[in-house]
Amino acid sequence: MFSRQFLIRFSVLWIVLITVGSFLPTRAKVALGTTTDSSSVVIQHRVRAEHRLAHFGAFGIAALSLALVAETLSQRVGALAGVLALALAIELLQKAMHGGPVEYWDVRDDTLAAIAGSALGTWQIVRAVLLRPY
């Protein structure tokens, strides 16, 4: 069980890590396994799957932790909107910095993950297991 204070601190740190990780140099992303410079179709497919899982995990956890902290429906909606705005802002900034297409498939994955994380954070049983009462 986590306290609200812990989850607030965790959420801030997690969002900072998502943001920093999104703008790492390509060499660092290759080392982390979230992108590849290989021409092998098999390796590209595996890395693409791992990349999608990283997006689901990162944005799903962000939305879940913020939904747990939120005390009202409007706060939960605002937290979800903030996570979605972050996902879109990162992709638009990446396009502005590096050119190429806006990776709408990443925004799609981030959106699905954030909605799932936010929904989980509203379920009473999940809140009872993860959130320490006042």
C-alpha atoms as a PDB file:
ATOM      1  CA  MET A   1       0.000   0.000   0.000  1.00  0.00           C
ATOM      2  CA  PHE A   2       1.260   3.429  -0.936  1.00  0.00           C
ATOM      3  CA  SER A   3       0.565   6.781   0.665  1.00  0.00           C
ATOM      4  CA  ARG A   4      -0.715   9.666  -1.423  1.00  0.00           C
ATOM      5  CA  GLN A   5       2.500  11.579  -0.660  1.00  0.00           C
ATOM      6  CA  PHE A   6       4.605   8.733  -2.030  1.00  0.00           C
ATOM      7  CA  LEU A   7       2.433   8.460  -5.150  1.00  0.00           C
ATOM      8  CA  ILE A   8       2.649  12.203  -5.786  1.00  0.00           C
ATOM      9  CA  ARG A   9       6.449  12.100  -5.602  1.00  0.00           C
ATOM     10  CA  PHE A  10       6.569   8.927  -7.662  1.00  0.00           C
ATOM     11  CA  SER A  11       4.285  10.439 -10.338  1.00  0.00           C
ATOM     12  CA  VAL A  12       6.468  13.514 -10.704  1.00  0.00           C
ATOM     13  CA  LEU A  13       9.640  11.434 -10.963  1.00  0.00           C
ATOM     14  CA  TRP A  14       8.005   8.986 -13.382  1.00  0.00           C
ATOM     15  CA  ILE A  15       6.820  11.777 -15.693  1.00  0.00           C
ATOM     16  CA  VAL A  16      10.286  13.357 -15.637  1.00  0.00           C
ATOM     17  CA  LEU A  17      11.799   9.972 -16.573  1.00  0.00           C
ATOM     18  CA  ILE A  18       9.313   9.530 -19.432  1.00  0.00           C
ATOM     19  CA  THR A  19      10.135  12.986 -20.745  1.00  0.00           C
ATOM     20  CA  VAL A  20      13.904  12.604 -20.457  1.00  0.00           C
ATOM     21  CA  GLY A  21      13.793   9.094 -21.905  1.00  0.00           C
ATOM     22  CA  SER A  22      11.812  10.321 -24.890  1.00  0.00           C
ATOM     23  CA  PHE A  23      14.580  12.715 -25.879  1.00  0.00           C
ATOM     24  CA  LEU A  24      17.581  10.441 -25.376  1.00  0.00           C
ATOM     25  CA  PRO A  25      20.012  10.214 -28.299  1.00  0.00           C
ATOM     26  CA  THR A  26      19.422   7.362 -30.716  1.00  0.00           C
ATOM     27  CA  ARG A  27      22.534   5.539 -29.484  1.00  0.00           C
ATOM     28  CA  ALA A  28      21.114   5.443 -25.950  1.00  0.00           C
ATOM     29  CA  LYS A  29      17.725   4.223 -27.222  1.00  0.00           C
ATOM     30  CA  VAL A  30      19.469   1.424 -29.146  1.00  0.00           C
ATOM     31  CA  ALA A  31      21.341   0.452 -25.963  1.00  0.00           C
ATOM     32  CA  LEU A  32      18.038   0.394 -24.041  1.00  0.00           C
ATOM     33  CA  GLY A  33      16.424  -1.727 -26.757  1.00  0.00           C
ATOM     34  CA  THR A  34      13.622   0.707 -27.574  1.00  0.00           C
ATOM     35  CA  THR A  35      14.916   1.267 -31.113  1.00  0.00           C
ATOM     36  CA  THR A  36      17.297  -0.515 -33.454  1.00  0.00           C
ATOM     37  CA  ASP A  37      19.702   0.250 -36.231  1.00  0.00           C
ATOM     38  CA  SER A  38      19.583  -3.350 -37.462  1.00  0.00           C
ATOM     39  CA  SER A  39      18.369  -4.160 -40.958  1.00  0.00           C
ATOM     40  CA  SER A  40      17.082  -7.558 -39.794  1.00  0.00           C
ATOM     41  CA  VAL A  41      13.302  -7.778 -40.098  1.00  0.00           C
ATOM     42  CA  VAL A  42      13.154 -10.179 -37.145  1.00  0.00           C
ATOM     43  CA  ILE A  43      15.093  -7.809 -34.892  1.00  0.00           C
ATOM     44  CA  GLN A  44      13.049  -4.805 -36.079  1.00  0.00           C
ATOM     45  CA  HIS A  45       9.811  -6.663 -35.277  1.00  0.00           C
ATOM     46  CA  ARG A  46      11.033  -7.650 -31.793  1.00  0.00           C
ATOM     47  CA  VAL A  47      12.257  -4.147 -30.987  1.00  0.00           C
ATOM     48  CA  ARG A  48       9.012  -2.623 -32.296  1.00  0.00           C
ATOM     49  CA  ALA A  49       7.052  -4.885 -29.918  1.00  0.00           C
ATOM     50  CA  GLU A  50       9.320  -3.926 -27.006  1.00  0.00           C
ATOM     51  CA  HIS A  51       8.968  -0.251 -27.955  1.00  0.00           C
ATOM     52  CA  ARG A  52       5.175  -0.529 -27.837  1.00  0.00           C
ATOM     53  CA  LEU A  53       5.338  -2.302 -24.466  1.00  0.00           C
ATOM     54  CA  ALA A  54       7.549   0.495 -23.139  1.00  0.00           C
ATOM     55  CA  HIS A  55       4.945   3.063 -24.227  1.00  0.00           C
ATOM     56  CA  PHE A  56       2.129   1.059 -22.637  1.00  0.00           C
ATOM     57  CA  GLY A  57       4.045   0.664 -19.401  1.00  0.00           C
ATOM     58  CA  ALA A  58       5.270   4.237 -19.181  1.00  0.00           C
ATOM     59  CA  PHE A  59       1.992   5.999 -19.873  1.00  0.00           C
ATOM     60  CA  GLY A  60      -0.209   3.388 -18.199  1.00  0.00           C
ATOM     61  CA  ILE A  61       1.756   3.659 -14.964  1.00  0.00           C
ATOM     62  CA  ALA A  62       1.717   7.469 -15.143  1.00  0.00           C
ATOM     63  CA  ALA A  63      -2.065   7.532 -15.536  1.00  0.00           C
ATOM     64  CA  LEU A  64      -2.607   4.886 -12.848  1.00  0.00           C
ATOM     65  CA  SER A  65      -0.475   6.674 -10.269  1.00  0.00           C
ATOM     66  CA  LEU A  66      -2.182  10.007 -10.958  1.00  0.00           C
ATOM     67  CA  ALA A  67      -5.647   8.424 -10.863  1.00  0.00           C
ATOM     68  CA  LEU A  68      -4.832   6.935  -7.454  1.00  0.00           C
ATOM     69  CA  VAL A  69      -3.787  10.342  -6.148  1.00  0.00           C
ATOM     70  CA  ALA A  70      -6.906  12.044  -7.519  1.00  0.00           C
ATOM     71  CA  GLU A  71      -9.770  12.342  -5.069  1.00  0.00           C
ATOM     72  CA  THR A  72     -12.569  13.479  -7.393  1.00  0.00           C
ATOM     73  CA  LEU A  73     -13.773  12.580 -10.854  1.00  0.00           C
ATOM     74  CA  SER A  74     -12.737  15.967 -12.220  1.00  0.00           C
ATOM     75  CA  GLN A  75      -9.217  15.453 -10.841  1.00  0.00           C
ATOM     76  CA  ARG A  76      -9.051  12.019 -12.500  1.00  0.00           C
ATOM     77  CA  VAL A  77     -10.215  13.448 -15.817  1.00  0.00           C
ATOM     78  CA  GLY A  78      -7.675  16.260 -15.504  1.00  0.00           C
ATOM     79  CA  ALA A  79      -4.891  13.792 -14.715  1.00  0.00           C
ATOM     80  CA  LEU A  80      -5.817  11.680 -17.740  1.00  0.00           C
ATOM     81  CA  ALA A  81      -5.942  14.779 -19.947  1.00  0.00           C
ATOM     82  CA  GLY A  82      -2.508  15.800 -18.678  1.00  0.00           C
ATOM     83  CA  VAL A  83      -0.981  12.415 -19.504  1.00  0.00           C
ATOM     84  CA  LEU A  84      -2.538  12.514 -22.978  1.00  0.00           C
ATOM     85  CA  ALA A  85      -1.276  16.067 -23.527  1.00  0.00           C
ATOM     86  CA  LEU A  86       2.216  14.972 -22.461  1.00  0.00           C
ATOM     87  CA  ALA A  87       2.172  12.101 -24.948  1.00  0.00           C
ATOM     88  CA  LEU A  88       1.143  14.366 -27.816  1.00  0.00           C
ATOM     89  CA  ALA A  89       3.559  17.132 -26.811  1.00  0.00           C
ATOM     90  CA  ILE A  90       6.487  14.698 -26.737  1.00  0.00           C
ATOM     91  CA  GLU A  91       5.695  13.403 -30.214  1.00  0.00           C
ATOM     92  CA  LEU A  92       5.259  16.908 -31.643  1.00  0.00           C
ATOM     93  CA  LEU A  93       8.520  18.084 -30.064  1.00  0.00           C
ATOM     94  CA  GLN A  94      10.347  15.031 -31.395  1.00  0.00           C
ATOM     95  CA  LYS A  95       9.076  15.861 -34.894  1.00  0.00           C
ATOM     96  CA  ALA A  96      10.120  19.500 -34.526  1.00  0.00           C
ATOM     97  CA  MET A  97      13.590  18.517 -33.332  1.00  0.00           C
ATOM     98  CA  HIS A  98      14.341  15.573 -35.619  1.00  0.00           C
ATOM     99  CA  GLY A  99      11.958  15.903 -38.553  1.00  0.00           C
ATOM    100  CA  GLY A 100      10.177  12.896 -39.950  1.00  0.00           C
ATOM    101  CA  PRO A 101       6.563  12.010 -39.344  1.00  0.00           C
ATOM    102  CA  VAL A 102       4.644  12.498 -36.128  1.00  0.00           C
ATOM    103  CA  GLU A 103       4.520   9.005 -34.690  1.00  0.00           C
ATOM    104  CA  TYR A 104       0.745   8.771 -34.308  1.00  0.00           C
ATOM    105  CA  TRP A 105       1.032   5.060 -33.531  1.00  0.00           C
ATOM    106  CA  ASP A 106       2.961   6.014 -30.387  1.00  0.00           C
ATOM    107  CA  VAL A 107       0.264   8.544 -29.458  1.00  0.00           C
ATOM    108  CA  ARG A 108      -2.330   5.789 -30.017  1.00  0.00           C
ATOM    109  CA  ASP A 109      -0.470   3.385 -27.737  1.00  0.00           C
ATOM    110  CA  ASP A 110       0.057   6.091 -25.109  1.00  0.00           C
ATOM    111  CA  THR A 111      -3.644   6.978 -25.231  1.00  0.00           C
ATOM    112  CA  LEU A 112      -4.814   3.377 -24.848  1.00  0.00           C
ATOM    113  CA  ALA A 113      -2.375   2.815 -21.987  1.00  0.00           C
ATOM    114  CA  ALA A 114      -3.371   6.032 -20.223  1.00  0.00           C
ATOM    115  CA  ILE A 115      -7.076   5.228 -20.495  1.00  0.00           C
ATOM    116  CA  ALA A 116      -6.462   1.724 -19.127  1.00  0.00           C
ATOM    117  CA  GLY A 117      -4.269   3.022 -16.281  1.00  0.00           C
ATOM    118  CA  SER A 118      -6.759   5.716 -15.393  1.00  0.00           C
ATOM    119  CA  ALA A 119      -9.645   3.231 -15.442  1.00  0.00           C
ATOM    120  CA  LEU A 120      -7.710   0.857 -13.173  1.00  0.00           C
ATOM    121  CA  GLY A 121      -7.049   3.719 -10.778  1.00  0.00           C
ATOM    122  CA  THR A 122     -10.768   4.389 -10.405  1.00  0.00           C
ATOM    123  CA  TRP A 123     -11.731   0.833  -9.440  1.00  0.00           C
ATOM    124  CA  GLN A 124     -12.326   0.584  -5.723  1.00  0.00           C
ATOM    125  CA  ILE A 125     -10.626  -2.779  -5.388  1.00  0.00           C
ATOM    126  CA  VAL A 126      -7.455  -1.453  -7.036  1.00  0.00           C
ATOM    127  CA  ARG A 127      -7.578   1.648  -4.847  1.00  0.00           C
ATOM    128  CA  ALA A 128      -8.043  -0.518  -1.756  1.00  0.00           C
ATOM    129  CA  VAL A 129      -5.018  -2.638  -2.635  1.00  0.00           C
ATOM    130  CA  LEU A 130      -2.650   0.138  -3.763  1.00  0.00           C
ATOM    131  CA  LEU A 131      -3.687   3.225  -1.790  1.00  0.00           C
ATOM    132  CA  ARG A 132      -3.160   3.552   1.930  1.00  0.00           C
ATOM    133  CA  PRO A 133      -6.176   5.120   3.633  1.00  0.00           C
ATOM    134  CA  TYR A 134      -5.669   8.532   5.160  1.00  0.00           C
END
